[in-house]
Amino acid sequence: DGKQINTRDLYFETNYQPWNKIELQKDSTYRLV
């Protein structure tokens, strides 16, 4: 529809709780969607 979109200005949604702190060890991973 002729608009130029920069996603930095828009809000994403997620099921994760805000201010959740994740600490990762050397071989661990964390996936944020």
PDB file of all heavy atoms in Angstrom:
ATOM      1  N   ASP A   1       0.828  -1.209   0.000  1.00  0.00           N
ATOM      2  CA  ASP A   1       0.000   0.000   0.000  1.00  0.00           C
ATOM      3  C   ASP A   1       0.867   1.266   0.000  1.00  0.00           C
ATOM      4  O   ASP A   1       0.403   2.356   0.331  1.00  0.00           O
ATOM      5  CB  ASP A   1      -0.978  -0.001   1.180  1.00  0.00           C
ATOM      6  CG  ASP A   1      -0.274   0.026   2.533  1.00  0.00           C
ATOM      7  OD1 ASP A   1       0.924  -0.316   2.576  1.00  0.00           O
ATOM      8  OD2 ASP A   1      -0.920   0.373   3.547  1.00  0.00           O
ATOM      9  N   GLY A   2       2.153   1.120  -0.364  1.00  0.00           N
ATOM     10  CA  GLY A   2       3.020   2.269  -0.597  1.00  0.00           C
ATOM     11  C   GLY A   2       3.658   2.872   0.625  1.00  0.00           C
ATOM     12  O   GLY A   2       4.123   4.016   0.567  1.00  0.00           O
ATOM     13  N   LYS A   3       3.763   2.142   1.728  1.00  0.00           N
ATOM     14  CA  LYS A   3       4.386   2.656   2.940  1.00  0.00           C
ATOM     15  C   LYS A   3       5.779   2.054   3.123  1.00  0.00           C
ATOM     16  O   LYS A   3       6.055   0.943   2.667  1.00  0.00           O
ATOM     17  CB  LYS A   3       3.514   2.353   4.172  1.00  0.00           C
ATOM     18  CG  LYS A   3       2.089   2.847   4.060  1.00  0.00           C
ATOM     19  CD  LYS A   3       2.019   4.352   3.809  1.00  0.00           C
ATOM     20  CE  LYS A   3       0.579   4.813   3.640  1.00  0.00           C
ATOM     21  NZ  LYS A   3       0.499   6.255   3.309  1.00  0.00           N
ATOM     22  N   GLN A   4       6.623   2.834   3.789  1.00  0.00           N
ATOM     23  CA  GLN A   4       7.964   2.369   4.116  1.00  0.00           C
ATOM     24  C   GLN A   4       8.009   2.081   5.615  1.00  0.00           C
ATOM     25  O   GLN A   4       7.851   2.984   6.427  1.00  0.00           O
ATOM     26  CB  GLN A   4       9.001   3.419   3.728  1.00  0.00           C
ATOM     27  CG  GLN A   4       9.007   3.706   2.230  1.00  0.00           C
ATOM     28  CD  GLN A   4       9.897   4.875   1.859  1.00  0.00           C
ATOM     29  OE1 GLN A   4      10.423   5.559   2.736  1.00  0.00           O
ATOM     30  NE2 GLN A   4      10.062   5.106   0.570  1.00  0.00           N
ATOM     31  N   ILE A   5       8.244   0.826   5.959  1.00  0.00           N
ATOM     32  CA  ILE A   5       8.124   0.380   7.335  1.00  0.00           C
ATOM     33  C   ILE A   5       9.500   0.091   7.925  1.00  0.00           C
ATOM     34  O   ILE A   5      10.297  -0.639   7.339  1.00  0.00           O
ATOM     35  CB  ILE A   5       7.255  -0.898   7.434  1.00  0.00           C
ATOM     36  CG1 ILE A   5       5.873  -0.653   6.818  1.00  0.00           C
ATOM     37  CG2 ILE A   5       7.130  -1.357   8.882  1.00  0.00           C
ATOM     38  CD1 ILE A   5       5.064   0.427   7.480  1.00  0.00           C
ATOM     39  N   ASN A   6       9.756   0.694   9.087  1.00  0.00           N
ATOM     40  CA  ASN A   6      10.918   0.338   9.889  1.00  0.00           C
ATOM     41  C   ASN A   6      10.374  -0.310  11.164  1.00  0.00           C
ATOM     42  O   ASN A   6       9.685   0.349  11.959  1.00  0.00           O
ATOM     43  CB  ASN A   6      11.732   1.586  10.241  1.00  0.00           C
ATOM     44  CG  ASN A   6      13.051   1.241  10.915  1.00  0.00           C
ATOM     45  OD1 ASN A   6      13.179   0.203  11.551  1.00  0.00           O
ATOM     46  ND2 ASN A   6      14.034   2.118  10.783  1.00  0.00           N
ATOM     47  N   THR A   7      10.681  -1.570  11.367  1.00  0.00           N
ATOM     48  CA  THR A   7      10.081  -2.289  12.494  1.00  0.00           C
ATOM     49  C   THR A   7      10.566  -1.785  13.848  1.00  0.00           C
ATOM     50  O   THR A   7       9.989  -2.157  14.879  1.00  0.00           O
ATOM     51  CB  THR A   7      10.361  -3.797  12.391  1.00  0.00           C
ATOM     52  OG1 THR A   7      11.786  -4.023  12.409  1.00  0.00           O
ATOM     53  CG2 THR A   7       9.780  -4.377  11.113  1.00  0.00           C
ATOM     54  N   ARG A   8      11.592  -0.931  13.886  1.00  0.00           N
ATOM     55  CA  ARG A   8      12.078  -0.410  15.163  1.00  0.00           C
ATOM     56  C   ARG A   8      11.014   0.445  15.859  1.00  0.00           C
ATOM     57  O   ARG A   8      11.080   0.678  17.060  1.00  0.00           O
ATOM     58  CB  ARG A   8      13.371   0.383  14.979  1.00  0.00           C
ATOM     59  CG  ARG A   8      13.227   1.705  14.277  1.00  0.00           C
ATOM     60  CD  ARG A   8      14.560   2.461  14.181  1.00  0.00           C
ATOM     61  NE  ARG A   8      15.041   2.823  15.505  1.00  0.00           N
ATOM     62  CZ  ARG A   8      16.144   2.343  16.053  1.00  0.00           C
ATOM     63  NH1 ARG A   8      16.884   1.468  15.394  1.00  0.00           N
ATOM     64  NH2 ARG A   8      16.507   2.720  17.267  1.00  0.00           N
ATOM     65  N   ASP A   9      10.045   0.923  15.106  1.00  0.00           N
ATOM     66  CA  ASP A   9       9.016   1.791  15.673  1.00  0.00           C
ATOM     67  C   ASP A   9       7.757   1.027  16.081  1.00  0.00           C
ATOM     68  O   ASP A   9       6.803   1.639  16.582  1.00  0.00           O
ATOM     69  CB  ASP A   9       8.635   2.875  14.659  1.00  0.00           C
ATOM     70  CG  ASP A   9       9.831   3.709  14.229  1.00  0.00           C
ATOM     71  OD1 ASP A   9      10.644   4.046  15.112  1.00  0.00           O
ATOM     72  OD2 ASP A   9       9.954   4.005  13.028  1.00  0.00           O
ATOM     73  N   LEU A  10       7.713  -0.275  15.859  1.00  0.00           N
ATOM     74  CA  LEU A  10       6.505  -1.057  16.088  1.00  0.00           C
ATOM     75  C   LEU A  10       6.692  -2.026  17.250  1.00  0.00           C
ATOM     76  O   LEU A  10       7.822  -2.401  17.583  1.00  0.00           O
ATOM     77  CB  LEU A  10       6.129  -1.822  14.809  1.00  0.00           C
ATOM     78  CG  LEU A  10       5.924  -0.944  13.564  1.00  0.00           C
ATOM     79  CD1 LEU A  10       5.695  -1.819  12.340  1.00  0.00           C
ATOM     80  CD2 LEU A  10       4.758   0.028  13.769  1.00  0.00           C
ATOM     81  N   TYR A  11       5.608  -2.452  17.834  1.00  0.00           N
ATOM     82  CA  TYR A  11       5.647  -3.338  18.991  1.00  0.00           C
ATOM     83  C   TYR A  11       5.462  -4.796  18.584  1.00  0.00           C
ATOM     84  O   TYR A  11       4.504  -5.146  17.887  1.00  0.00           O
ATOM     85  CB  TYR A  11       4.569  -2.940  20.003  1.00  0.00           C
ATOM     86  CG  TYR A  11       4.922  -1.713  20.797  1.00  0.00           C
ATOM     87  CD1 TYR A  11       4.641  -0.442  20.295  1.00  0.00           C
ATOM     88  CD2 TYR A  11       5.544  -1.816  22.033  1.00  0.00           C
ATOM     89  CE1 TYR A  11       4.972   0.710  21.026  1.00  0.00           C
ATOM     90  CE2 TYR A  11       5.871  -0.678  22.774  1.00  0.00           C
ATOM     91  CZ  TYR A  11       5.586   0.571  22.254  1.00  0.00           C
ATOM     92  OH  TYR A  11       5.922   1.701  22.975  1.00  0.00           O
ATOM     93  N   PHE A  12       6.406  -5.613  19.036  1.00  0.00           N
ATOM     94  CA  PHE A  12       6.311  -7.058  18.850  1.00  0.00           C
ATOM     95  C   PHE A  12       5.572  -7.666  20.051  1.00  0.00           C
ATOM     96  O   PHE A  12       5.507  -7.065  21.123  1.00  0.00           O
ATOM     97  CB  PHE A  12       7.706  -7.676  18.752  1.00  0.00           C
ATOM     98  CG  PHE A  12       8.401  -7.423  17.435  1.00  0.00           C
ATOM     99  CD1 PHE A  12       8.815  -6.132  17.075  1.00  0.00           C
ATOM    100  CD2 PHE A  12       8.662  -8.469  16.561  1.00  0.00           C
ATOM    101  CE1 PHE A  12       9.459  -5.904  15.876  1.00  0.00           C
ATOM    102  CE2 PHE A  12       9.318  -8.245  15.356  1.00  0.00           C
ATOM    103  CZ  PHE A  12       9.713  -6.965  15.016  1.00  0.00           C
ATOM    104  N   GLU A  13       5.057  -8.854  19.857  1.00  0.00           N
ATOM    105  CA  GLU A  13       4.381  -9.569  20.934  1.00  0.00           C
ATOM    106  C   GLU A  13       5.175 -10.809  21.313  1.00  0.00           C
ATOM    107  O   GLU A  13       5.901 -11.381  20.480  1.00  0.00           O
ATOM    108  CB  GLU A  13       2.962  -9.979  20.495  1.00  0.00           C
ATOM    109  CG  GLU A  13       2.056  -8.799  20.201  1.00  0.00           C
ATOM    110  CD  GLU A  13       0.666  -9.239  19.768  1.00  0.00           C
ATOM    111  OE1 GLU A  13       0.438 -10.472  19.659  1.00  0.00           O
ATOM    112  OE2 GLU A  13      -0.188  -8.357  19.530  1.00  0.00           O
ATOM    113  N   THR A  14       5.044 -11.222  22.569  1.00  0.00           N
ATOM    114  CA  THR A  14       5.704 -12.434  23.042  1.00  0.00           C
ATOM    115  C   THR A  14       4.983 -12.954  24.272  1.00  0.00           C
ATOM    116  O   THR A  14       4.303 -12.188  24.984  1.00  0.00           O
ATOM    117  CB  THR A  14       7.183 -12.157  23.375  1.00  0.00           C
ATOM    118  OG1 THR A  14       7.812 -13.376  23.771  1.00  0.00           O
ATOM    119  CG2 THR A  14       7.314 -11.139  24.493  1.00  0.00           C
ATOM    120  N   ASN A  15       5.128 -14.236  24.533  1.00  0.00           N
ATOM    121  CA  ASN A  15       4.507 -14.846  25.708  1.00  0.00           C
ATOM    122  C   ASN A  15       5.414 -14.805  26.932  1.00  0.00           C
ATOM    123  O   ASN A  15       5.007 -15.211  28.019  1.00  0.00           O
ATOM    124  CB  ASN A  15       4.132 -16.305  25.412  1.00  0.00           C
ATOM    125  CG  ASN A  15       3.033 -16.392  24.358  1.00  0.00           C
ATOM    126  OD1 ASN A  15       2.158 -15.528  24.308  1.00  0.00           O
ATOM    127  ND2 ASN A  15       3.088 -17.413  23.520  1.00  0.00           N
ATOM    128  N   TYR A  16       6.658 -14.318  26.754  1.00  0.00           N
ATOM    129  CA  TYR A  16       7.600 -14.284  27.866  1.00  0.00           C
ATOM    130  C   TYR A  16       7.237 -13.159  28.836  1.00  0.00           C
ATOM    131  O   TYR A  16       6.668 -12.139  28.448  1.00  0.00           O
ATOM    132  CB  TYR A  16       9.021 -14.093  27.357  1.00  0.00           C
ATOM    133  CG  TYR A  16       9.505 -15.201  26.460  1.00  0.00           C
ATOM    134  CD1 TYR A  16       9.236 -15.188  25.089  1.00  0.00           C
ATOM    135  CD2 TYR A  16      10.224 -16.267  26.981  1.00  0.00           C
ATOM    136  CE1 TYR A  16       9.673 -16.203  24.265  1.00  0.00           C
ATOM    137  CE2 TYR A  16      10.672 -17.292  26.158  1.00  0.00           C
ATOM    138  CZ  TYR A  16      10.390 -17.248  24.807  1.00  0.00           C
ATOM    139  OH  TYR A  16      10.823 -18.265  23.996  1.00  0.00           O
ATOM    140  N   GLN A  17       7.579 -13.344  30.092  1.00  0.00           N
ATOM    141  CA  GLN A  17       7.317 -12.340  31.110  1.00  0.00           C
ATOM    142  C   GLN A  17       8.367 -11.226  31.041  1.00  0.00           C
ATOM    143  O   GLN A  17       9.541 -11.496  30.818  1.00  0.00           O
ATOM    144  CB  GLN A  17       7.335 -12.975  32.510  1.00  0.00           C
ATOM    145  CG  GLN A  17       6.210 -13.968  32.739  1.00  0.00           C
ATOM    146  CD  GLN A  17       4.839 -13.325  32.583  1.00  0.00           C
ATOM    147  OE1 GLN A  17       4.583 -12.248  33.129  1.00  0.00           O
ATOM    148  NE2 GLN A  17       3.959 -13.973  31.823  1.00  0.00           N
ATOM    149  N   PRO A  18       7.945  -9.971  31.242  1.00  0.00           N
ATOM    150  CA  PRO A  18       8.916  -8.862  31.160  1.00  0.00           C
ATOM    151  C   PRO A  18       9.929  -8.911  32.294  1.00  0.00           C
ATOM    152  O   PRO A  18       9.655  -9.424  33.378  1.00  0.00           O
ATOM    153  CB  PRO A  18       8.020  -7.616  31.265  1.00  0.00           C
ATOM    154  CG  PRO A  18       6.785  -8.077  31.961  1.00  0.00           C
ATOM    155  CD  PRO A  18       6.576  -9.494  31.519  1.00  0.00           C
ATOM    156  N   TRP A  19      11.110  -8.328  32.011  1.00  0.00           N
ATOM    157  CA  TRP A  19      12.228  -8.257  32.942  1.00  0.00           C
ATOM    158  C   TRP A  19      12.656  -9.641  33.439  1.00  0.00           C
ATOM    159  O   TRP A  19      13.172  -9.793  34.544  1.00  0.00           O
ATOM    160  CB  TRP A  19      11.924  -7.338  34.129  1.00  0.00           C
ATOM    161  CG  TRP A  19      11.844  -5.917  33.701  1.00  0.00           C
ATOM    162  CD1 TRP A  19      10.721  -5.136  33.631  1.00  0.00           C
ATOM    163  CD2 TRP A  19      12.914  -5.100  33.214  1.00  0.00           C
ATOM    164  NE1 TRP A  19      11.025  -3.887  33.151  1.00  0.00           N
ATOM    165  CE2 TRP A  19      12.366  -3.826  32.891  1.00  0.00           C
ATOM    166  CE3 TRP A  19      14.285  -5.308  33.019  1.00  0.00           C
ATOM    167  CZ2 TRP A  19      13.123  -2.784  32.389  1.00  0.00           C
ATOM    168  CZ3 TRP A  19      15.047  -4.254  32.523  1.00  0.00           C
ATOM    169  CH2 TRP A  19      14.479  -3.018  32.209  1.00  0.00           C
ATOM    170  N   ASN A  20      12.428 -10.615  32.601  1.00  0.00           N
ATOM    171  CA  ASN A  20      12.908 -11.965  32.908  1.00  0.00           C
ATOM    172  C   ASN A  20      14.413 -12.002  32.655  1.00  0.00           C
ATOM    173  O   ASN A  20      14.883 -11.595  31.602  1.00  0.00           O
ATOM    174  CB  ASN A  20      12.193 -12.978  32.020  1.00  0.00           C
ATOM    175  CG  ASN A  20      12.490 -14.405  32.415  1.00  0.00           C
ATOM    176  OD1 ASN A  20      12.914 -14.672  33.542  1.00  0.00           O
ATOM    177  ND2 ASN A  20      12.273 -15.329  31.500  1.00  0.00           N
ATOM    178  N   LYS A  21      15.187 -12.459  33.623  1.00  0.00           N
ATOM    179  CA  LYS A  21      16.637 -12.519  33.490  1.00  0.00           C
ATOM    180  C   LYS A  21      17.083 -13.962  33.278  1.00  0.00           C
ATOM    181  O   LYS A  21      16.740 -14.840  34.062  1.00  0.00           O
ATOM    182  CB  LYS A  21      17.332 -11.939  34.727  1.00  0.00           C
ATOM    183  CG  LYS A  21      18.849 -11.899  34.611  1.00  0.00           C
ATOM    184  CD  LYS A  21      19.486 -11.236  35.821  1.00  0.00           C
ATOM    185  CE  LYS A  21      21.007 -11.207  35.685  1.00  0.00           C
ATOM    186  NZ  LYS A  21      21.658 -10.558  36.843  1.00  0.00           N
ATOM    187  N   ILE A  22      17.833 -14.170  32.208  1.00  0.00           N
ATOM    188  CA  ILE A  22      18.305 -15.509  31.866  1.00  0.00           C
ATOM    189  C   ILE A  22      19.827 -15.518  31.955  1.00  0.00           C
ATOM    190  O   ILE A  22      20.498 -14.679  31.329  1.00  0.00           O
ATOM    191  CB  ILE A  22      17.858 -15.905  30.442  1.00  0.00           C
ATOM    192  CG1 ILE A  22      16.329 -15.893  30.351  1.00  0.00           C
ATOM    193  CG2 ILE A  22      18.403 -17.279  30.077  1.00  0.00           C
ATOM    194  CD1 ILE A  22      15.760 -14.615  29.805  1.00  0.00           C
ATOM    195  N   GLU A  23      20.371 -16.425  32.704  1.00  0.00           N
ATOM    196  CA  GLU A  23      21.817 -16.583  32.818  1.00  0.00           C
ATOM    197  C   GLU A  23      22.232 -17.873  32.120  1.00  0.00           C
ATOM    198  O   GLU A  23      21.712 -18.948  32.432  1.00  0.00           O
ATOM    199  CB  GLU A  23      22.241 -16.604  34.292  1.00  0.00           C
ATOM    200  CG  GLU A  23      21.988 -15.288  35.006  1.00  0.00           C
ATOM    201  CD  GLU A  23      22.510 -15.290  36.433  1.00  0.00           C
ATOM    202  OE1 GLU A  23      23.111 -16.312  36.832  1.00  0.00           O
ATOM    203  OE2 GLU A  23      22.313 -14.284  37.139  1.00  0.00           O
ATOM    204  N   LEU A  24      23.172 -17.756  31.186  1.00  0.00           N
ATOM    205  CA  LEU A  24      23.590 -18.893  30.374  1.00  0.00           C
ATOM    206  C   LEU A  24      25.005 -19.322  30.721  1.00  0.00           C
ATOM    207  O   LEU A  24      25.904 -18.487  30.843  1.00  0.00           O
ATOM    208  CB  LEU A  24      23.528 -18.540  28.882  1.00  0.00           C
ATOM    209  CG  LEU A  24      22.151 -18.146  28.329  1.00  0.00           C
ATOM    210  CD1 LEU A  24      22.267 -17.801  26.853  1.00  0.00           C
ATOM    211  CD2 LEU A  24      21.140 -19.265  28.530  1.00  0.00           C
ATOM    212  N   GLN A  25      25.192 -20.615  30.871  1.00  0.00           N
ATOM    213  CA  GLN A  25      26.522 -21.179  31.029  1.00  0.00           C
ATOM    214  C   GLN A  25      27.137 -21.380  29.652  1.00  0.00           C
ATOM    215  O   GLN A  25      26.501 -21.124  28.615  1.00  0.00           O
ATOM    216  CB  GLN A  25      26.451 -22.493  31.808  1.00  0.00           C
ATOM    217  CG  GLN A  25      25.808 -22.359  33.177  1.00  0.00           C
ATOM    218  CD  GLN A  25      26.517 -21.339  34.061  1.00  0.00           C
ATOM    219  OE1 GLN A  25      27.744 -21.315  34.107  1.00  0.00           O
ATOM    220  NE2 GLN A  25      25.752 -20.511  34.760  1.00  0.00           N
ATOM    221  N   LYS A  26      28.349 -21.897  29.610  1.00  0.00           N
ATOM    222  CA  LYS A  26      29.109 -21.958  28.361  1.00  0.00           C
ATOM    223  C   LYS A  26      28.400 -22.738  27.268  1.00  0.00           C
ATOM    224  O   LYS A  26      28.378 -22.321  26.107  1.00  0.00           O
ATOM    225  CB  LYS A  26      30.490 -22.566  28.620  1.00  0.00           C
ATOM    226  CG  LYS A  26      31.391 -22.553  27.393  1.00  0.00           C
ATOM    227  CD  LYS A  26      32.788 -23.032  27.718  1.00  0.00           C
ATOM    228  CE  LYS A  26      33.687 -22.947  26.486  1.00  0.00           C
ATOM    229  NZ  LYS A  26      35.071 -23.408  26.758  1.00  0.00           N
ATOM    230  N   ASP A  27      27.807 -23.870  27.586  1.00  0.00           N
ATOM    231  CA  ASP A  27      27.219 -24.730  26.563  1.00  0.00           C
ATOM    232  C   ASP A  27      25.698 -24.624  26.486  1.00  0.00           C
ATOM    233  O   ASP A  27      25.060 -25.411  25.796  1.00  0.00           O
ATOM    234  CB  ASP A  27      27.608 -26.198  26.817  1.00  0.00           C
ATOM    235  CG  ASP A  27      29.114 -26.403  26.736  1.00  0.00           C
ATOM    236  OD1 ASP A  27      29.749 -25.750  25.889  1.00  0.00           O
ATOM    237  OD2 ASP A  27      29.650 -27.193  27.534  1.00  0.00           O
ATOM    238  N   SER A  28      25.098 -23.677  27.181  1.00  0.00           N
ATOM    239  CA  SER A  28      23.636 -23.573  27.192  1.00  0.00           C
ATOM    240  C   SER A  28      23.156 -22.527  26.188  1.00  0.00           C
ATOM    241  O   SER A  28      23.909 -21.640  25.762  1.00  0.00           O
ATOM    242  CB  SER A  28      23.144 -23.238  28.598  1.00  0.00           C
ATOM    243  OG  SER A  28      23.737 -22.033  29.059  1.00  0.00           O
ATOM    244  N   THR A  29      21.870 -22.621  25.807  1.00  0.00           N
ATOM    245  CA  THR A  29      21.272 -21.695  24.851  1.00  0.00           C
ATOM    246  C   THR A  29      19.925 -21.207  25.379  1.00  0.00           C
ATOM    247  O   THR A  29      19.328 -21.812  26.266  1.00  0.00           O
ATOM    248  CB  THR A  29      21.066 -22.356  23.478  1.00  0.00           C
ATOM    249  OG1 THR A  29      20.158 -23.469  23.630  1.00  0.00           O
ATOM    250  CG2 THR A  29      22.378 -22.859  22.906  1.00  0.00           C
ATOM    251  N   TYR A  30      19.462 -20.100  24.806  1.00  0.00           N
ATOM    252  CA  TYR A  30      18.151 -19.569  25.165  1.00  0.00           C
ATOM    253  C   TYR A  30      17.509 -19.015  23.902  1.00  0.00           C
ATOM    254  O   TYR A  30      18.138 -18.272  23.141  1.00  0.00           O
ATOM    255  CB  TYR A  30      18.263 -18.473  26.226  1.00  0.00           C
ATOM    256  CG  TYR A  30      16.928 -17.902  26.634  1.00  0.00           C
ATOM    257  CD1 TYR A  30      16.098 -18.603  27.497  1.00  0.00           C
ATOM    258  CD2 TYR A  30      16.516 -16.666  26.149  1.00  0.00           C
ATOM    259  CE1 TYR A  30      14.865 -18.078  27.876  1.00  0.00           C
ATOM    260  CE2 TYR A  30      15.283 -16.131  26.528  1.00  0.00           C
ATOM    261  CZ  TYR A  30      14.464 -16.851  27.387  1.00  0.00           C
ATOM    262  OH  TYR A  30      13.247 -16.338  27.760  1.00  0.00           O
ATOM    263  N   ARG A  31      16.249 -19.354  23.684  1.00  0.00           N
ATOM    264  CA  ARG A  31      15.529 -18.981  22.466  1.00  0.00           C
ATOM    265  C   ARG A  31      14.419 -18.000  22.809  1.00  0.00           C
ATOM    266  O   ARG A  31      13.511 -18.310  23.580  1.00  0.00           O
ATOM    267  CB  ARG A  31      14.957 -20.252  21.830  1.00  0.00           C
ATOM    268  CG  ARG A  31      14.370 -20.090  20.445  1.00  0.00           C
ATOM    269  CD  ARG A  31      14.071 -21.482  19.899  1.00  0.00           C
ATOM    270  NE  ARG A  31      13.516 -21.436  18.559  1.00  0.00           N
ATOM    271  CZ  ARG A  31      12.220 -21.464  18.278  1.00  0.00           C
ATOM    272  NH1 ARG A  31      11.344 -21.541  19.285  1.00  0.00           N
ATOM    273  NH2 ARG A  31      11.782 -21.430  17.038  1.00  0.00           N
ATOM    274  N   LEU A  32      14.511 -16.800  22.239  1.00  0.00           N
ATOM    275  CA  LEU A  32      13.526 -15.755  22.476  1.00  0.00           C
ATOM    276  C   LEU A  32      12.753 -15.506  21.181  1.00  0.00           C
ATOM    277  O   LEU A  32      13.347 -15.182  20.149  1.00  0.00           O
ATOM    278  CB  LEU A  32      14.222 -14.465  22.932  1.00  0.00           C
ATOM    279  CG  LEU A  32      13.337 -13.245  23.210  1.00  0.00           C
ATOM    280  CD1 LEU A  32      12.338 -13.530  24.320  1.00  0.00           C
ATOM    281  CD2 LEU A  32      14.199 -12.040  23.560  1.00  0.00           C
ATOM    282  N   VAL A  33      11.430 -15.666  21.240  1.00  0.00           N
ATOM    283  CA  VAL A  33      10.587 -15.537  20.046  1.00  0.00           C
ATOM    284  C   VAL A  33       9.753 -14.267  20.159  1.00  0.00           C
ATOM    285  O   VAL A  33       9.009 -14.073  21.131  1.00  0.00           O
ATOM    286  CB  VAL A  33       9.662 -16.757  19.880  1.00  0.00           C
ATOM    287  CG1 VAL A  33       8.809 -16.604  18.615  1.00  0.00           C
ATOM    288  CG2 VAL A  33      10.480 -18.039  19.823  1.00  0.00           C
TER     289      VAL A  33
END
